[in-house]
C-alpha atoms as a PDB file:
ATOM      1  CA  UNK A   1       0.000   0.000   0.000  1.00  0.00           C
ATOM      2  CA  UNK A   2       1.338   3.415  -0.933  1.00  0.00           C
ATOM      3  CA  UNK A   3       2.884   5.486   1.825  1.00  0.00           C
ATOM      4  CA  UNK A   4       0.545   8.354   0.967  1.00  0.00           C
ATOM      5  CA  UNK A   5      -2.393   6.250   2.072  1.00  0.00           C
ATOM      6  CA  UNK A   6      -0.833   5.769   5.466  1.00  0.00           C
ATOM      7  CA  UNK A   7      -0.160   9.464   5.944  1.00  0.00           C
ATOM      8  CA  UNK A   8      -3.738  10.351   5.050  1.00  0.00           C
ATOM      9  CA  UNK A   9      -5.061   7.745   7.463  1.00  0.00           C
ATOM     10  CA  UNK A  10      -2.915   8.960  10.325  1.00  0.00           C
ATOM     11  CA  UNK A  11      -4.079  12.544   9.854  1.00  0.00           C
ATOM     12  CA  UNK A  12      -7.699  11.453   9.844  1.00  0.00           C
ATOM     13  CA  UNK A  13      -7.249   9.414  13.021  1.00  0.00           C
ATOM     14  CA  UNK A  14      -6.361  12.527  15.005  1.00  0.00           C
ATOM     15  CA  UNK A  15      -9.763  14.134  14.368  1.00  0.00           C
ATOM     16  CA  UNK A  16     -11.820  13.314  17.451  1.00  0.00           C
ATOM     17  CA  UNK A  17     -14.724  14.995  19.204  1.00  0.00           C
ATOM     18  CA  UNK A  18     -14.802  15.258  23.006  1.00  0.00           C
ATOM     19  CA  UNK A  19     -18.129  14.350  24.632  1.00  0.00           C
ATOM     20  CA  UNK A  20     -18.862  13.629  28.310  1.00  0.00           C
ATOM     21  CA  UNK A  21     -15.563  12.149  29.456  1.00  0.00           C
ATOM     22  CA  UNK A  22     -14.704  10.434  26.200  1.00  0.00           C
ATOM     23  CA  UNK A  23     -13.615  11.275  22.698  1.00  0.00           C
ATOM     24  CA  UNK A  24     -15.112   9.697  19.599  1.00  0.00           C
ATOM     25  CA  UNK A  25     -13.720   9.511  16.079  1.00  0.00           C
ATOM     26  CA  UNK A  26     -15.301  12.223  13.978  1.00  0.00           C
ATOM     27  CA  UNK A  27     -15.216   9.860  11.001  1.00  0.00           C
ATOM     28  CA  UNK A  28     -15.481   6.142  10.413  1.00  0.00           C
ATOM     29  CA  UNK A  29     -12.128   4.337  10.374  1.00  0.00           C
ATOM     30  CA  UNK A  30     -10.737   4.501   6.858  1.00  0.00           C
ATOM     31  CA  UNK A  31      -9.099   1.901   4.647  1.00  0.00           C
ATOM     32  CA  UNK A  32      -5.862   3.863   4.983  1.00  0.00           C
ATOM     33  CA  UNK A  33      -5.975   3.916   8.767  1.00  0.00           C
ATOM     34  CA  UNK A  34      -6.969   0.257   9.075  1.00  0.00           C
ATOM     35  CA  UNK A  35      -4.046  -0.596   6.783  1.00  0.00           C
ATOM     36  CA  UNK A  36      -1.711   0.976   9.341  1.00  0.00           C
ATOM     37  CA  UNK A  37      -3.105  -1.391  11.961  1.00  0.00           C
ATOM     38  CA  UNK A  38      -2.603  -4.522   9.881  1.00  0.00           C
ATOM     39  CA  UNK A  39       0.866  -3.387   8.842  1.00  0.00           C
ATOM     40  CA  UNK A  40       1.882  -2.705  12.436  1.00  0.00           C
ATOM     41  CA  UNK A  41       0.441  -5.924  13.867  1.00  0.00           C
ATOM     42  CA  UNK A  42       0.808  -8.386  10.995  1.00  0.00           C
ATOM     43  CA  UNK A  43      -2.931  -9.048  11.171  1.00  0.00           C
ATOM     44  CA  UNK A  44      -4.526 -10.873   8.256  1.00  0.00           C
ATOM     45  CA  UNK A  45      -8.261 -10.261   8.237  1.00  0.00           C
ATOM     46  CA  UNK A  46     -10.706 -13.125   8.035  1.00  0.00           C
ATOM     47  CA  UNK A  47     -12.005 -11.848   4.692  1.00  0.00           C
ATOM     48  CA  UNK A  48      -8.498 -12.051   3.231  1.00  0.00           C
ATOM     49  CA  UNK A  49      -7.701 -15.387   4.846  1.00  0.00           C
ATOM     50  CA  UNK A  50     -10.980 -17.113   4.055  1.00  0.00           C
ATOM     51  CA  UNK A  51     -11.405 -16.173   0.421  1.00  0.00           C
ATOM     52  CA  UNK A  52     -13.362 -12.923   0.456  1.00  0.00           C
ATOM     53  CA  UNK A  53     -16.003 -10.933   2.242  1.00  0.00           C
ATOM     54  CA  UNK A  54     -19.764 -11.147   1.928  1.00  0.00           C
ATOM     55  CA  UNK A  55     -22.485  -9.279   0.067  1.00  0.00           C
ATOM     56  CA  UNK A  56     -26.189  -9.903  -0.328  1.00  0.00           C
ATOM     57  CA  UNK A  57     -27.307 -11.723  -3.472  1.00  0.00           C
ATOM     58  CA  UNK A  58     -29.315 -14.908  -3.274  1.00  0.00           C
ATOM     59  CA  UNK A  59     -28.772 -14.749   0.456  1.00  0.00           C
ATOM     60  CA  UNK A  60     -25.339 -13.976   1.844  1.00  0.00           C
ATOM     61  CA  UNK A  61     -22.708 -14.759  -0.776  1.00  0.00           C
ATOM     62  CA  UNK A  62     -18.930 -14.811  -0.418  1.00  0.00           C
ATOM     63  CA  UNK A  63     -17.257 -12.569  -2.989  1.00  0.00           C
ATOM     64  CA  UNK A  64     -13.713 -13.705  -3.870  1.00  0.00           C
ATOM     65  CA  UNK A  65     -11.138 -10.941  -3.564  1.00  0.00           C
ATOM     66  CA  UNK A  66     -13.389  -8.605  -1.595  1.00  0.00           C
ATOM     67  CA  UNK A  67     -11.789  -7.406   1.655  1.00  0.00           C
ATOM     68  CA  UNK A  68     -11.019  -4.139   3.426  1.00  0.00           C
ATOM     69  CA  UNK A  69      -8.350  -3.113   0.890  1.00  0.00           C
ATOM     70  CA  UNK A  70     -10.611  -3.932  -2.083  1.00  0.00           C
ATOM     71  CA  UNK A  71     -14.197  -3.596  -0.844  1.00  0.00           C
ATOM     72  CA  UNK A  72     -15.739  -4.494  -4.208  1.00  0.00           C
ATOM     73  CA  UNK A  73     -12.920  -6.675  -5.539  1.00  0.00           C
ATOM     74  CA  UNK A  74     -10.927  -3.863  -7.092  1.00  0.00           C
ATOM     75  CA  UNK A  75      -8.922  -0.856  -5.985  1.00  0.00           C
ATOM     76  CA  UNK A  76     -11.243   1.557  -4.147  1.00  0.00           C
ATOM     77  CA  UNK A  77     -12.101   4.968  -5.517  1.00  0.00           C
ATOM     78  CA  UNK A  78     -10.530   6.442  -2.383  1.00  0.00           C
ATOM     79  CA  UNK A  79      -8.371   5.162   0.495  1.00  0.00           C
ATOM     80  CA  UNK A  80     -10.581   7.401   2.626  1.00  0.00           C
ATOM     81  CA  UNK A  81     -13.551   5.102   2.154  1.00  0.00           C
ATOM     82  CA  UNK A  82     -14.597   3.432   5.419  1.00  0.00           C
ATOM     83  CA  UNK A  83     -12.871   0.124   6.098  1.00  0.00           C
ATOM     84  CA  UNK A  84     -15.470  -2.639   5.680  1.00  0.00           C
ATOM     85  CA  UNK A  85     -15.326  -6.453   5.561  1.00  0.00           C
ATOM     86  CA  UNK A  86     -14.132  -6.201   9.170  1.00  0.00           C
ATOM     87  CA  UNK A  87     -15.423  -8.548  11.885  1.00  0.00           C
ATOM     88  CA  UNK A  88     -16.345  -7.410  15.381  1.00  0.00           C
ATOM     89  CA  UNK A  89     -13.167  -9.013  16.719  1.00  0.00           C
ATOM     90  CA  UNK A  90     -11.026  -7.145  14.195  1.00  0.00           C
ATOM     91  CA  UNK A  91     -12.842  -3.893  14.993  1.00  0.00           C
ATOM     92  CA  UNK A  92     -12.303  -4.431  18.723  1.00  0.00           C
ATOM     93  CA  UNK A  93      -8.625  -5.120  18.220  1.00  0.00           C
ATOM     94  CA  UNK A  94      -8.151  -2.145  15.928  1.00  0.00           C
ATOM     95  CA  UNK A  95      -9.626   0.187  18.547  1.00  0.00           C
ATOM     96  CA  UNK A  96      -7.381  -1.269  21.261  1.00  0.00           C
ATOM     97  CA  UNK A  97      -4.359  -0.757  19.003  1.00  0.00           C
ATOM     98  CA  UNK A  98      -5.442   2.855  18.411  1.00  0.00           C
ATOM     99  CA  UNK A  99      -5.677   3.470  22.168  1.00  0.00           C
ATOM    100  CA  UNK A 100      -9.446   3.244  22.413  1.00  0.00           C
ATOM    101  CA  UNK A 101     -12.313   0.799  22.350  1.00  0.00           C
ATOM    102  CA  UNK A 102     -15.603   0.173  20.613  1.00  0.00           C
ATOM    103  CA  UNK A 103     -18.411   2.414  21.884  1.00  0.00           C
ATOM    104  CA  UNK A 104     -21.259   0.982  23.903  1.00  0.00           C
ATOM    105  CA  UNK A 105     -24.811   1.309  22.650  1.00  0.00           C
ATOM    106  CA  UNK A 106     -25.493   4.058  25.177  1.00  0.00           C
ATOM    107  CA  UNK A 107     -22.371   6.015  24.265  1.00  0.00           C
ATOM    108  CA  UNK A 108     -22.945   5.705  20.552  1.00  0.00           C
ATOM    109  CA  UNK A 109     -26.638   6.623  20.803  1.00  0.00           C
ATOM    110  CA  UNK A 110     -25.976   9.740  22.843  1.00  0.00           C
ATOM    111  CA  UNK A 111     -23.227  10.872  20.469  1.00  0.00           C
ATOM    112  CA  UNK A 112     -25.295  10.169  17.373  1.00  0.00           C
ATOM    113  CA  UNK A 113     -28.637  11.709  18.300  1.00  0.00           C
ATOM    114  CA  UNK A 114     -28.275  14.210  21.182  1.00  0.00           C
ATOM    115  CA  UNK A 115     -26.528  17.492  20.450  1.00  0.00           C
ATOM    116  CA  UNK A 116     -24.110  18.281  23.265  1.00  0.00           C
ATOM    117  CA  UNK A 117     -21.769  20.891  21.824  1.00  0.00           C
ATOM    118  CA  UNK A 118     -23.901  23.562  20.205  1.00  0.00           C
ATOM    119  CA  UNK A 119     -22.845  22.541  16.687  1.00  0.00           C
ATOM    120  CA  UNK A 120     -24.096  25.087  14.118  1.00  0.00           C
ATOM    121  CA  UNK A 121     -27.491  24.023  12.790  1.00  0.00           C
ATOM    122  CA  UNK A 122     -28.340  21.947  15.874  1.00  0.00           C
ATOM    123  CA  UNK A 123     -29.923  22.838  19.206  1.00  0.00           C
ATOM    124  CA  UNK A 124     -27.845  21.972  22.260  1.00  0.00           C
ATOM    125  CA  UNK A 125     -29.612  19.413  24.462  1.00  0.00           C
ATOM    126  CA  UNK A 126     -32.032  18.311  21.763  1.00  0.00           C
ATOM    127  CA  UNK A 127     -32.308  14.671  20.683  1.00  0.00           C
ATOM    128  CA  UNK A 128     -32.877  14.212  16.950  1.00  0.00           C
ATOM    129  CA  UNK A 129     -34.496  11.302  15.066  1.00  0.00           C
ATOM    130  CA  UNK A 130     -31.534  10.962  12.704  1.00  0.00           C
ATOM    131  CA  UNK A 131     -27.817  11.520  13.209  1.00  0.00           C
ATOM    132  CA  UNK A 132     -28.168  14.195  10.514  1.00  0.00           C
ATOM    133  CA  UNK A 133     -30.965  15.976  12.414  1.00  0.00           C
ATOM    134  CA  UNK A 134     -34.666  16.095  11.652  1.00  0.00           C
ATOM    135  CA  UNK A 135     -34.221  14.286   8.334  1.00  0.00           C
ATOM    136  CA  UNK A 136     -31.749  12.003   6.601  1.00  0.00           C
ATOM    137  CA  UNK A 137     -30.753  14.703   4.116  1.00  0.00           C
ATOM    138  CA  UNK A 138     -27.034  14.749   3.433  1.00  0.00           C
ATOM    139  CA  UNK A 139     -26.412  11.113   4.373  1.00  0.00           C
ATOM    140  CA  UNK A 140     -25.163   8.353   2.077  1.00  0.00           C
ATOM    141  CA  UNK A 141     -28.182   6.032   1.877  1.00  0.00           C
ATOM    142  CA  UNK A 142     -29.683   4.044  -0.989  1.00  0.00           C
ATOM    143  CA  UNK A 143     -31.684   7.107  -2.020  1.00  0.00           C
ATOM    144  CA  UNK A 144     -30.796  10.055  -4.219  1.00  0.00           C
ATOM    145  CA  UNK A 145     -27.311  11.211  -3.268  1.00  0.00           C
ATOM    146  CA  UNK A 146     -23.921  11.520  -5.011  1.00  0.00           C
ATOM    147  CA  UNK A 147     -22.601   8.149  -3.797  1.00  0.00           C
ATOM    148  CA  UNK A 148     -23.685   4.843  -5.387  1.00  0.00           C
ATOM    149  CA  UNK A 149     -21.829   2.810  -2.733  1.00  0.00           C
ATOM    150  CA  UNK A 150     -19.346   4.012  -0.112  1.00  0.00           C
ATOM    151  CA  UNK A 151     -18.458   7.679   0.300  1.00  0.00           C
ATOM    152  CA  UNK A 152     -15.082   9.003   1.487  1.00  0.00           C
ATOM    153  CA  UNK A 153     -15.247   9.954   5.154  1.00  0.00           C
ATOM    154  CA  UNK A 154     -16.027  13.630   5.581  1.00  0.00           C
ATOM    155  CA  UNK A 155     -17.767  13.835   2.193  1.00  0.00           C
ATOM    156  CA  UNK A 156     -21.277  13.676   3.626  1.00  0.00           C
ATOM    157  CA  UNK A 157     -22.898  16.445   5.629  1.00  0.00           C
ATOM    158  CA  UNK A 158     -21.763  16.723   9.260  1.00  0.00           C
ATOM    159  CA  UNK A 159     -24.469  15.766  11.735  1.00  0.00           C
ATOM    160  CA  UNK A 160     -25.187  15.920  15.441  1.00  0.00           C
ATOM    161  CA  UNK A 161     -22.084  16.911  17.459  1.00  0.00           C
ATOM    162  CA  UNK A 162     -20.234  17.552  14.195  1.00  0.00           C
ATOM    163  CA  UNK A 163     -19.873  13.814  13.532  1.00  0.00           C
ATOM    164  CA  UNK A 164     -19.935  12.356  10.039  1.00  0.00           C
ATOM    165  CA  UNK A 165     -21.699   9.158   8.958  1.00  0.00           C
ATOM    166  CA  UNK A 166     -23.151   8.144  12.303  1.00  0.00           C
ATOM    167  CA  UNK A 167     -26.095   7.509  10.012  1.00  0.00           C
ATOM    168  CA  UNK A 168     -25.514   5.560   6.781  1.00  0.00           C
ATOM    169  CA  UNK A 169     -22.336   5.095   4.699  1.00  0.00           C
ATOM    170  CA  UNK A 170     -21.333   2.003   6.741  1.00  0.00           C
ATOM    171  CA  UNK A 171     -22.933   0.237   9.701  1.00  0.00           C
ATOM    172  CA  UNK A 172     -20.669   0.402  12.759  1.00  0.00           C
ATOM    173  CA  UNK A 173     -19.827  -2.323  15.252  1.00  0.00           C
ATOM    174  CA  UNK A 174     -20.639  -1.521  18.878  1.00  0.00           C
ATOM    175  CA  UNK A 175     -19.195  -3.097  22.024  1.00  0.00           C
ATOM    176  CA  UNK A 176     -22.488  -4.754  22.992  1.00  0.00           C
ATOM    177  CA  UNK A 177     -22.633  -8.540  22.727  1.00  0.00           C
ATOM    178  CA  UNK A 178     -25.347 -11.186  23.039  1.00  0.00           C
ATOM    179  CA  UNK A 179     -23.757 -14.614  22.905  1.00  0.00           C
ATOM    180  CA  UNK A 180     -22.136 -14.973  19.481  1.00  0.00           C
ATOM    181  CA  UNK A 181     -23.692 -11.778  18.131  1.00  0.00           C
ATOM    182  CA  UNK A 182     -22.719  -8.117  18.376  1.00  0.00           C
ATOM    183  CA  UNK A 183     -24.666  -4.940  17.778  1.00  0.00           C
ATOM    184  CA  UNK A 184     -24.343  -2.724  14.708  1.00  0.00           C
ATOM    185  CA  UNK A 185     -25.700   0.813  14.421  1.00  0.00           C
ATOM    186  CA  UNK A 186     -26.413   3.563  11.940  1.00  0.00           C
ATOM    187  CA  UNK A 187     -27.378   1.920   8.667  1.00  0.00           C
ATOM    188  CA  UNK A 188     -25.392   2.110   5.435  1.00  0.00           C
ATOM    189  CA  UNK A 189     -25.377   3.048   1.769  1.00  0.00           C
ATOM    190  CA  UNK A 190     -27.289  -0.193   1.104  1.00  0.00           C
ATOM    191  CA  UNK A 191     -30.271   0.846   3.241  1.00  0.00           C
ATOM    192  CA  UNK A 192     -32.704   3.752   3.451  1.00  0.00           C
ATOM    193  CA  UNK A 193     -33.232   6.387   6.161  1.00  0.00           C
ATOM    194  CA  UNK A 194     -35.209   4.146   8.579  1.00  0.00           C
ATOM    195  CA  UNK A 195     -32.059   2.146   9.353  1.00  0.00           C
ATOM    196  CA  UNK A 196     -30.332   5.362  10.473  1.00  0.00           C
ATOM    197  CA  UNK A 197     -32.597   5.600  13.511  1.00  0.00           C
ATOM    198  CA  UNK A 198     -31.733   4.301  16.954  1.00  0.00           C
ATOM    199  CA  UNK A 199     -34.498   1.691  16.963  1.00  0.00           C
ATOM    200  CA  UNK A 200     -33.074   0.060  13.820  1.00  0.00           C
ATOM    201  CA  UNK A 201     -29.810  -1.242  15.308  1.00  0.00           C
ATOM    202  CA  UNK A 202     -29.135  -4.841  14.233  1.00  0.00           C
ATOM    203  CA  UNK A 203     -27.467  -7.836  15.856  1.00  0.00           C
ATOM    204  CA  UNK A 204     -25.013  -9.648  13.595  1.00  0.00           C
ATOM    205  CA  UNK A 205     -22.696 -12.627  14.175  1.00  0.00           C
ATOM    206  CA  UNK A 206     -19.550 -11.158  15.712  1.00  0.00           C
ATOM    207  CA  UNK A 207     -17.424 -13.206  13.301  1.00  0.00           C
ATOM    208  CA  UNK A 208     -19.285 -11.819  10.267  1.00  0.00           C
ATOM    209  CA  UNK A 209     -17.581  -9.530   7.750  1.00  0.00           C
ATOM    210  CA  UNK A 210     -19.532  -7.843   5.016  1.00  0.00           C
ATOM    211  CA  UNK A 211     -19.293  -5.045   2.463  1.00  0.00           C
ATOM    212  CA  UNK A 212     -21.247  -2.522   4.528  1.00  0.00           C
ATOM    213  CA  UNK A 213     -20.111  -2.912   8.164  1.00  0.00           C
ATOM    214  CA  UNK A 214     -17.221  -0.828   9.482  1.00  0.00           C
ATOM    215  CA  UNK A 215     -16.311   0.903  12.742  1.00  0.00           C
ATOM    216  CA  UNK A 216     -15.270   3.931  14.717  1.00  0.00           C
ATOM    217  CA  UNK A 217     -13.715   4.097  18.182  1.00  0.00           C
ATOM    218  CA  UNK A 218     -14.106   5.982  21.435  1.00  0.00           C
ATOM    219  CA  UNK A 219     -11.316   6.961  23.820  1.00  0.00           C
ATOM    220  CA  UNK A 220     -11.675   7.411  27.566  1.00  0.00           C
ATOM    221  CA  UNK A 221     -10.432  10.787  28.748  1.00  0.00           C
ATOM    222  CA  UNK A 222      -8.782  11.494  32.108  1.00  0.00           C
ATOM    223  CA  UNK A 223     -11.033  13.157  34.652  1.00  0.00           C
ATOM    224  CA  UNK A 224     -11.372  16.735  33.603  1.00  0.00           C
ATOM    225  CA  UNK A 225     -10.104  15.896  30.076  1.00  0.00           C
END
């Protein structure tokens, strides 16, 4: 992978928003940034090791050659696309490597829907139905928008608390587990606006890796940080 990709990923990783004793990535973790993790740790993702990630066709189908570096089996339009084809375990380990952890459902929900900072265009203290506000406008869904699949992080309109893509673009793994499943939140480019809402979170097998599930991390701050 080109060195330029790594530099871009590192710069993006520094952009975090402080909320209630923690910081959260402003953007979803990018291909470039996830590549730094696998380079540093020698990790081979399950999608690479097991012959490709999954997409929906006649049920879930494995797609040879699809993995986080090549989400649709070819070089991505941008290394700043969200990293997808990542399992919950890989997402957890990435966040630990980056000095953080996966957000809990409560943490993610509060960050995604309740304005805490007085971000322009949002009312401080108000809880919104979508991470983009009163409507899904500006998000990368399966509706009318500039992005047929994934969008580079930061390309969509900033939402509640100045965060990007808490709704749509890629689903995001959360820390919450039920047996062999883990929770995903936010919807994706594959789905419409209803999946962006808090009630639409979905449980998926924690070992699953698919073309529209990615991640972002949170970081605990020292008291008073």
